[in-house]
PDB file of all heavy atoms in Angstrom:
ATOM      1  N   LYS A   1      10.731   3.743  -1.515  1.00  0.00           N
ATOM      2  CA  LYS A   1       9.719   3.648  -2.657  1.00  0.00           C
ATOM      3  C   LYS A   1       8.318   3.802  -2.139  1.00  0.00           C
ATOM      4  O   LYS A   1       7.626   4.663  -2.753  1.00  0.00           O
ATOM      5  CB  LYS A   1       9.976   2.298  -3.315  1.00  0.00           C
ATOM      6  CG  LYS A   1       8.980   2.012  -4.344  1.00  0.00           C
ATOM      7  CD  LYS A   1       9.141   0.623  -5.031  1.00  0.00           C
ATOM      8  CE  LYS A   1       8.682  -0.431  -4.033  1.00  0.00           C
ATOM      9  NZ  LYS A   1       8.673  -1.756  -4.549  1.00  0.00           N
ATOM     10  N   LEU A   2       7.982   3.099  -1.122  1.00  0.00           N
ATOM     11  CA  LEU A   2       6.644   3.215  -0.574  1.00  0.00           C
ATOM     12  C   LEU A   2       6.349   4.456   0.128  1.00  0.00           C
ATOM     13  O   LEU A   2       5.250   5.057   0.108  1.00  0.00           O
ATOM     14  CB  LEU A   2       6.238   2.018   0.335  1.00  0.00           C
ATOM     15  CG  LEU A   2       5.878   0.729  -0.476  1.00  0.00           C
ATOM     16  CD1 LEU A   2       5.462  -0.348   0.529  1.00  0.00           C
ATOM     17  CD2 LEU A   2       4.924   0.929  -1.507  1.00  0.00           C
ATOM     18  N   LYS A   3       7.320   4.998   0.799  1.00  0.00           N
ATOM     19  CA  LYS A   3       7.209   6.377   1.481  1.00  0.00           C
ATOM     20  C   LYS A   3       6.885   7.406   0.515  1.00  0.00           C
ATOM     21  O   LYS A   3       6.062   8.277   0.768  1.00  0.00           O
ATOM     22  CB  LYS A   3       8.394   6.711   2.354  1.00  0.00           C
ATOM     23  CG  LYS A   3       8.478   6.015   3.644  1.00  0.00           C
ATOM     24  CD  LYS A   3       9.658   6.282   4.451  1.00  0.00           C
ATOM     25  CE  LYS A   3       9.694   5.535   5.751  1.00  0.00           C
ATOM     26  NZ  LYS A   3      10.942   5.863   6.475  1.00  0.00           N
ATOM     27  N   SER A   4       7.403   7.239  -0.676  1.00  0.00           N
ATOM     28  CA  SER A   4       7.135   8.304  -1.678  1.00  0.00           C
ATOM     29  C   SER A   4       5.682   8.205  -2.247  1.00  0.00           C
ATOM     30  O   SER A   4       5.110   9.153  -2.888  1.00  0.00           O
ATOM     31  CB  SER A   4       8.123   8.219  -2.842  1.00  0.00           C
ATOM     32  OG  SER A   4       7.876   7.057  -3.638  1.00  0.00           O
ATOM     33  N   LYS A   5       5.030   7.061  -2.038  1.00  0.00           N
ATOM     34  CA  LYS A   5       3.629   6.869  -2.484  1.00  0.00           C
ATOM     35  C   LYS A   5       2.649   7.043  -1.352  1.00  0.00           C
ATOM     36  O   LYS A   5       1.460   6.968  -1.550  1.00  0.00           O
ATOM     37  CB  LYS A   5       3.483   5.502  -3.055  1.00  0.00           C
ATOM     38  CG  LYS A   5       4.264   5.298  -4.375  1.00  0.00           C
ATOM     39  CD  LYS A   5       4.288   3.832  -4.796  1.00  0.00           C
ATOM     40  CE  LYS A   5       5.095   3.666  -5.934  1.00  0.00           C
ATOM     41  NZ  LYS A   5       4.534   3.917  -7.230  1.00  0.00           N
ATOM     42  N   LEU A   6       3.118   7.134  -0.204  1.00  0.00           N
ATOM     43  CA  LEU A   6       2.272   7.303   1.072  1.00  0.00           C
ATOM     44  C   LEU A   6       1.672   8.722   1.199  1.00  0.00           C
ATOM     45  O   LEU A   6       2.404   9.706   0.943  1.00  0.00           O
ATOM     46  CB  LEU A   6       3.084   7.091   2.259  1.00  0.00           C
ATOM     47  CG  LEU A   6       2.345   7.239   3.643  1.00  0.00           C
ATOM     48  CD1 LEU A   6       1.490   5.998   3.808  1.00  0.00           C
ATOM     49  CD2 LEU A   6       3.456   7.217   4.783  1.00  0.00           C
ATOM     50  N   ILE A   7       0.429   8.801   1.403  1.00  0.00           N
ATOM     51  CA  ILE A   7      -0.267  10.119   1.584  1.00  0.00           C
ATOM     52  C   ILE A   7      -0.032  10.314   2.993  1.00  0.00           C
ATOM     53  O   ILE A   7      -0.458   9.747   4.054  1.00  0.00           O
ATOM     54  CB  ILE A   7      -1.772  10.014   1.261  1.00  0.00           C
ATOM     55  CG1 ILE A   7      -1.902   9.697  -0.219  1.00  0.00           C
ATOM     56  CG2 ILE A   7      -2.436  11.273   1.628  1.00  0.00           C
ATOM     57  CD1 ILE A   7      -3.388   9.421  -0.721  1.00  0.00           C
ATOM     58  N   SER A   8       0.616  11.477   3.292  1.00  0.00           N
ATOM     59  CA  SER A   8       1.069  11.866   4.606  1.00  0.00           C
ATOM     60  C   SER A   8      -0.148  12.109   5.587  1.00  0.00           C
ATOM     61  O   SER A   8      -1.040  12.681   5.231  1.00  0.00           O
ATOM     62  CB  SER A   8       1.860  13.176   4.594  1.00  0.00           C
ATOM     63  OG  SER A   8       2.248  13.567   5.954  1.00  0.00           O
ATOM     64  N   SER A   9      -0.148  11.265   6.699  1.00  0.00           N
ATOM     65  CA  SER A   9      -1.188  11.309   7.656  1.00  0.00           C
ATOM     66  C   SER A   9      -0.700  10.792   9.042  1.00  0.00           C
ATOM     67  O   SER A   9      -0.005   9.714   9.074  1.00  0.00           O
ATOM     68  CB  SER A   9      -2.358  10.470   7.124  1.00  0.00           C
ATOM     69  OG  SER A   9      -3.292  10.337   8.147  1.00  0.00           O
ATOM     70  N   CYS A  10      -1.171  11.354  10.062  1.00  0.00           N
ATOM     71  CA  CYS A  10      -0.919  10.847  11.417  1.00  0.00           C
ATOM     72  C   CYS A  10      -1.990  10.042  11.830  1.00  0.00           C
ATOM     73  O   CYS A  10      -1.995   9.494  13.042  1.00  0.00           O
ATOM     74  CB  CYS A  10      -0.550  11.998  12.328  1.00  0.00           C
ATOM     75  SG  CYS A  10       0.885  12.944  11.945  1.00  0.00           S
ATOM     76  N   SER A  11      -3.058   9.999  11.106  1.00  0.00           N
ATOM     77  CA  SER A  11      -4.269   9.222  11.620  1.00  0.00           C
ATOM     78  C   SER A  11      -4.071   7.637  11.444  1.00  0.00           C
ATOM     79  O   SER A  11      -3.173   7.313  10.676  1.00  0.00           O
ATOM     80  CB  SER A  11      -5.403   9.721  10.846  1.00  0.00           C
ATOM     81  OG  SER A  11      -5.705   9.029   9.586  1.00  0.00           O
ATOM     82  N   PRO A  12      -4.902   6.886  11.975  1.00  0.00           N
ATOM     83  CA  PRO A  12      -4.879   5.444  11.725  1.00  0.00           C
ATOM     84  C   PRO A  12      -5.041   4.961  10.339  1.00  0.00           C
ATOM     85  O   PRO A  12      -4.809   3.891   9.946  1.00  0.00           O
ATOM     86  CB  PRO A  12      -5.982   4.907  12.647  1.00  0.00           C
ATOM     87  CG  PRO A  12      -6.155   5.932  13.681  1.00  0.00           C
ATOM     88  CD  PRO A  12      -5.983   7.247  12.971  1.00  0.00           C
ATOM     89  N   ILE A  13      -5.709   5.888   9.491  1.00  0.00           N
ATOM     90  CA  ILE A  13      -5.964   5.626   8.112  1.00  0.00           C
ATOM     91  C   ILE A  13      -4.763   6.034   7.338  1.00  0.00           C
ATOM     92  O   ILE A  13      -4.351   7.193   7.249  1.00  0.00           O
ATOM     93  CB  ILE A  13      -7.252   6.272   7.630  1.00  0.00           C
ATOM     94  CG1 ILE A  13      -8.441   5.833   8.358  1.00  0.00           C
ATOM     95  CG2 ILE A  13      -7.414   6.133   6.094  1.00  0.00           C
ATOM     96  CD1 ILE A  13      -9.704   6.621   8.137  1.00  0.00           C
ATOM     97  N   GLN A  14      -4.189   4.997   6.717  1.00  0.00           N
ATOM     98  CA  GLN A  14      -2.927   5.188   5.887  1.00  0.00           C
ATOM     99  C   GLN A  14      -3.235   4.804   4.471  1.00  0.00           C
ATOM    100  O   GLN A  14      -3.814   3.814   4.260  1.00  0.00           O
ATOM    101  CB  GLN A  14      -1.663   4.402   6.432  1.00  0.00           C
ATOM    102  CG  GLN A  14      -1.309   4.655   7.883  1.00  0.00           C
ATOM    103  CD  GLN A  14      -0.691   6.015   8.096  1.00  0.00           C
ATOM    104  OE1 GLN A  14       0.299   6.310   7.437  1.00  0.00           O
ATOM    105  NE2 GLN A  14      -1.237   6.873   8.809  1.00  0.00           N
ATOM    106  N   CYS A  15      -2.848   5.687   3.526  1.00  0.00           N
ATOM    107  CA  CYS A  15      -3.104   5.376   2.226  1.00  0.00           C
ATOM    108  C   CYS A  15      -1.826   5.466   1.369  1.00  0.00           C
ATOM    109  O   CYS A  15      -1.093   6.312   1.459  1.00  0.00           O
ATOM    110  CB  CYS A  15      -4.073   6.362   1.649  1.00  0.00           C
ATOM    111  SG  CYS A  15      -5.766   6.282   2.312  1.00  0.00           S
ATOM    112  N   ILE A  16      -1.820   4.404   0.410  1.00  0.00           N
ATOM    113  CA  ILE A  16      -0.589   4.409  -0.520  1.00  0.00           C
ATOM    114  C   ILE A  16      -1.065   4.478  -1.965  1.00  0.00           C
ATOM    115  O   ILE A  16      -2.009   3.687  -2.245  1.00  0.00           O
ATOM    116  CB  ILE A  16       0.208   3.032  -0.276  1.00  0.00           C
ATOM    117  CG1 ILE A  16       0.729   3.091   1.198  1.00  0.00           C
ATOM    118  CG2 ILE A  16       1.359   2.873  -1.319  1.00  0.00           C
ATOM    119  CD1 ILE A  16       1.521   1.884   1.644  1.00  0.00           C
ATOM    120  N   LEU A  17      -0.612   5.433  -2.670  1.00  0.00           N
ATOM    121  CA  LEU A  17      -1.050   5.478  -4.017  1.00  0.00           C
ATOM    122  C   LEU A  17      -0.571   4.346  -4.939  1.00  0.00           C
ATOM    123  O   LEU A  17       0.522   3.975  -4.848  1.00  0.00           O
ATOM    124  CB  LEU A  17      -0.459   6.877  -4.646  1.00  0.00           C
ATOM    125  CG  LEU A  17      -0.913   8.059  -3.946  1.00  0.00           C
ATOM    126  CD1 LEU A  17      -0.118   9.353  -4.479  1.00  0.00           C
ATOM    127  CD2 LEU A  17      -2.356   8.430  -4.263  1.00  0.00           C
ATOM    128  N   VAL A  18      -1.537   3.882  -5.654  1.00  0.00           N
ATOM    129  CA  VAL A  18      -1.298   2.817  -6.618  1.00  0.00           C
ATOM    130  C   VAL A  18      -2.181   3.213  -7.847  1.00  0.00           C
ATOM    131  O   VAL A  18      -3.382   2.972  -7.842  1.00  0.00           O
ATOM    132  CB  VAL A  18      -1.855   1.440  -6.063  1.00  0.00           C
ATOM    133  CG1 VAL A  18      -1.553   0.358  -7.064  1.00  0.00           C
ATOM    134  CG2 VAL A  18      -1.213   1.159  -4.768  1.00  0.00           C
ATOM    135  N   SER A  19      -1.481   3.695  -8.849  1.00  0.00           N
ATOM    136  CA  SER A  19      -2.203   4.125 -10.062  1.00  0.00           C
ATOM    137  C   SER A  19      -2.889   2.921 -10.838  1.00  0.00           C
ATOM    138  O   SER A  19      -2.432   1.836 -10.769  1.00  0.00           O
ATOM    139  CB  SER A  19      -1.215   4.784 -11.095  1.00  0.00           C
ATOM    140  OG  SER A  19      -0.724   5.927 -10.439  1.00  0.00           O
ATOM    141  N   GLU A  20      -4.002   3.454 -11.485  1.00  0.00           N
ATOM    142  CA  GLU A  20      -4.897   2.538 -12.294  1.00  0.00           C
ATOM    143  C   GLU A  20      -5.780   1.559 -11.472  1.00  0.00           C
ATOM    144  O   GLU A  20      -5.325   0.781 -10.635  1.00  0.00           O
ATOM    145  CB  GLU A  20      -3.993   1.699 -13.267  1.00  0.00           C
ATOM    146  CG  GLU A  20      -3.201   2.630 -14.263  1.00  0.00           C
ATOM    147  CD  GLU A  20      -2.341   1.808 -15.037  1.00  0.00           C
ATOM    148  OE1 GLU A  20      -2.348   0.543 -15.133  1.00  0.00           O
ATOM    149  OE2 GLU A  20      -1.498   2.437 -15.900  1.00  0.00           O
ATOM    150  N   ASN A  21      -6.967   1.621 -11.879  1.00  0.00           N
ATOM    151  CA  ASN A  21      -8.084   0.802 -11.076  1.00  0.00           C
ATOM    152  C   ASN A  21      -7.692  -0.701 -11.152  1.00  0.00           C
ATOM    153  O   ASN A  21      -7.792  -1.429  -9.979  1.00  0.00           O
ATOM    154  CB  ASN A  21      -9.481   0.987 -11.745  1.00  0.00           C
ATOM    155  CG  ASN A  21      -9.984   2.281 -11.289  1.00  0.00           C
ATOM    156  OD1 ASN A  21      -9.610   2.911 -10.279  1.00  0.00           O
ATOM    157  ND2 ASN A  21     -11.213   2.616 -11.825  1.00  0.00           N
ATOM    158  N   GLU A  22      -7.285  -1.298 -12.166  1.00  0.00           N
ATOM    159  CA  GLU A  22      -6.969  -2.668 -12.343  1.00  0.00           C
ATOM    160  C   GLU A  22      -5.816  -3.056 -11.391  1.00  0.00           C
ATOM    161  O   GLU A  22      -5.893  -4.048 -10.757  1.00  0.00           O
ATOM    162  CB  GLU A  22      -6.777  -3.116 -13.717  1.00  0.00           C
ATOM    163  CG  GLU A  22      -8.028  -3.036 -14.605  1.00  0.00           C
ATOM    164  CD  GLU A  22      -9.204  -3.828 -13.992  1.00  0.00           C
ATOM    165  OE1 GLU A  22      -9.058  -4.921 -13.499  1.00  0.00           O
ATOM    166  OE2 GLU A  22     -10.283  -3.174 -13.957  1.00  0.00           O
ATOM    167  N   THR A  23      -4.751  -2.214 -11.394  1.00  0.00           N
ATOM    168  CA  THR A  23      -3.637  -2.506 -10.525  1.00  0.00           C
ATOM    169  C   THR A  23      -3.930  -2.487  -8.988  1.00  0.00           C
ATOM    170  O   THR A  23      -3.634  -3.372  -8.192  1.00  0.00           O
ATOM    171  CB  THR A  23      -2.606  -1.533 -10.822  1.00  0.00           C
ATOM    172  OG1 THR A  23      -2.162  -1.506 -12.229  1.00  0.00           O
ATOM    173  CG2 THR A  23      -1.281  -1.766 -10.003  1.00  0.00           C
ATOM    174  N   VAL A  24      -4.660  -1.402  -8.622  1.00  0.00           N
ATOM    175  CA  VAL A  24      -5.127  -1.295  -7.227  1.00  0.00           C
ATOM    176  C   VAL A  24      -6.048  -2.465  -6.815  1.00  0.00           C
ATOM    177  O   VAL A  24      -6.039  -2.951  -5.706  1.00  0.00           O
ATOM    178  CB  VAL A  24      -5.665   0.069  -6.912  1.00  0.00           C
ATOM    179  CG1 VAL A  24      -7.018   0.237  -7.283  1.00  0.00           C
ATOM    180  CG2 VAL A  24      -5.521   0.399  -5.351  1.00  0.00           C
ATOM    181  N   LYS A  25      -6.911  -2.865  -7.695  1.00  0.00           N
ATOM    182  CA  LYS A  25      -7.781  -3.995  -7.405  1.00  0.00           C
ATOM    183  C   LYS A  25      -7.012  -5.379  -7.173  1.00  0.00           C
ATOM    184  O   LYS A  25      -7.332  -6.160  -6.223  1.00  0.00           O
ATOM    185  CB  LYS A  25      -8.807  -4.250  -8.605  1.00  0.00           C
ATOM    186  CG  LYS A  25      -9.891  -3.308  -8.597  1.00  0.00           C
ATOM    187  CD  LYS A  25     -10.886  -3.728  -9.681  1.00  0.00           C
ATOM    188  CE  LYS A  25     -11.751  -2.584 -10.174  1.00  0.00           C
ATOM    189  NZ  LYS A  25     -12.585  -2.963 -11.272  1.00  0.00           N
ATOM    190  N   LYS A  26      -6.037  -5.517  -7.984  1.00  0.00           N
ATOM    191  CA  LYS A  26      -5.051  -6.714  -7.874  1.00  0.00           C
ATOM    192  C   LYS A  26      -4.346  -6.626  -6.448  1.00  0.00           C
ATOM    193  O   LYS A  26      -4.343  -7.626  -5.829  1.00  0.00           O
ATOM    194  CB  LYS A  26      -4.116  -6.756  -9.001  1.00  0.00           C
ATOM    195  CG  LYS A  26      -3.202  -8.064  -8.958  1.00  0.00           C
ATOM    196  CD  LYS A  26      -2.080  -8.041 -10.010  1.00  0.00           C
ATOM    197  CE  LYS A  26      -1.234  -9.197  -9.969  1.00  0.00           C
ATOM    198  NZ  LYS A  26      -0.949  -9.715  -8.655  1.00  0.00           N
ATOM    199  N   VAL A  27      -3.758  -5.473  -6.102  1.00  0.00           N
ATOM    200  CA  VAL A  27      -3.139  -5.343  -4.815  1.00  0.00           C
ATOM    201  C   VAL A  27      -4.204  -5.661  -3.716  1.00  0.00           C
ATOM    202  O   VAL A  27      -3.777  -6.359  -2.799  1.00  0.00           O
ATOM    203  CB  VAL A  27      -2.471  -4.000  -4.718  1.00  0.00           C
ATOM    204  CG1 VAL A  27      -2.013  -3.705  -3.278  1.00  0.00           C
ATOM    205  CG2 VAL A  27      -1.357  -3.829  -5.724  1.00  0.00           C
ATOM    206  N   GLU A  28      -5.317  -5.078  -3.784  1.00  0.00           N
ATOM    207  CA  GLU A  28      -6.311  -5.339  -2.797  1.00  0.00           C
ATOM    208  C   GLU A  28      -6.699  -6.825  -2.742  1.00  0.00           C
ATOM    209  O   GLU A  28      -6.698  -7.337  -1.507  1.00  0.00           O
ATOM    210  CB  GLU A  28      -7.655  -4.621  -3.146  1.00  0.00           C
ATOM    211  CG  GLU A  28      -8.899  -4.850  -2.326  1.00  0.00           C
ATOM    212  CD  GLU A  28     -10.167  -4.353  -2.754  1.00  0.00           C
ATOM    213  OE1 GLU A  28     -10.516  -4.509  -3.971  1.00  0.00           O
ATOM    214  OE2 GLU A  28     -10.784  -3.626  -2.025  1.00  0.00           O
ATOM    215  N   ALA A  29      -6.902  -7.504  -3.826  1.00  0.00           N
ATOM    216  CA  ALA A  29      -7.228  -8.888  -3.816  1.00  0.00           C
ATOM    217  C   ALA A  29      -6.043  -9.730  -3.157  1.00  0.00           C
ATOM    218  O   ALA A  29      -6.220 -10.643  -2.334  1.00  0.00           O
ATOM    219  CB  ALA A  29      -7.600  -9.370  -5.232  1.00  0.00           C
ATOM    220  N   ASP A  30      -4.801  -9.444  -3.543  1.00  0.00           N
ATOM    221  CA  ASP A  30      -3.635 -10.153  -3.035  1.00  0.00           C
ATOM    222  C   ASP A  30      -3.531  -9.944  -1.574  1.00  0.00           C
ATOM    223  O   ASP A  30      -3.229 -10.883  -0.773  1.00  0.00           O
ATOM    224  CB  ASP A  30      -2.394  -9.709  -3.796  1.00  0.00           C
ATOM    225  CG  ASP A  30      -2.249 -10.271  -5.148  1.00  0.00           C
ATOM    226  OD1 ASP A  30      -3.165 -11.062  -5.608  1.00  0.00           O
ATOM    227  OD2 ASP A  30      -1.330  -9.864  -5.862  1.00  0.00           O
ATOM    228  N   LEU A  31      -3.818  -8.708  -1.099  1.00  0.00           N
ATOM    229  CA  LEU A  31      -3.610  -8.481   0.376  1.00  0.00           C
ATOM    230  C   LEU A  31      -4.782  -9.128   1.110  1.00  0.00           C
ATOM    231  O   LEU A  31      -4.677  -9.803   2.247  1.00  0.00           O
ATOM    232  CB  LEU A  31      -3.531  -7.117   0.655  1.00  0.00           C
ATOM    233  CG  LEU A  31      -2.200  -6.430   0.326  1.00  0.00           C
ATOM    234  CD1 LEU A  31      -2.264  -4.895   0.353  1.00  0.00           C
ATOM    235  CD2 LEU A  31      -1.063  -6.933   1.234  1.00  0.00           C
TER     236      LEU A  31
END
């Protein structure tokens, strides 16, 4: 599930798509 949302990168910066500003802000706060 998360691999399908991962933006492919070999760099130390890894990004996972999380639609909608409010949802991504909640994930950020929780982490």
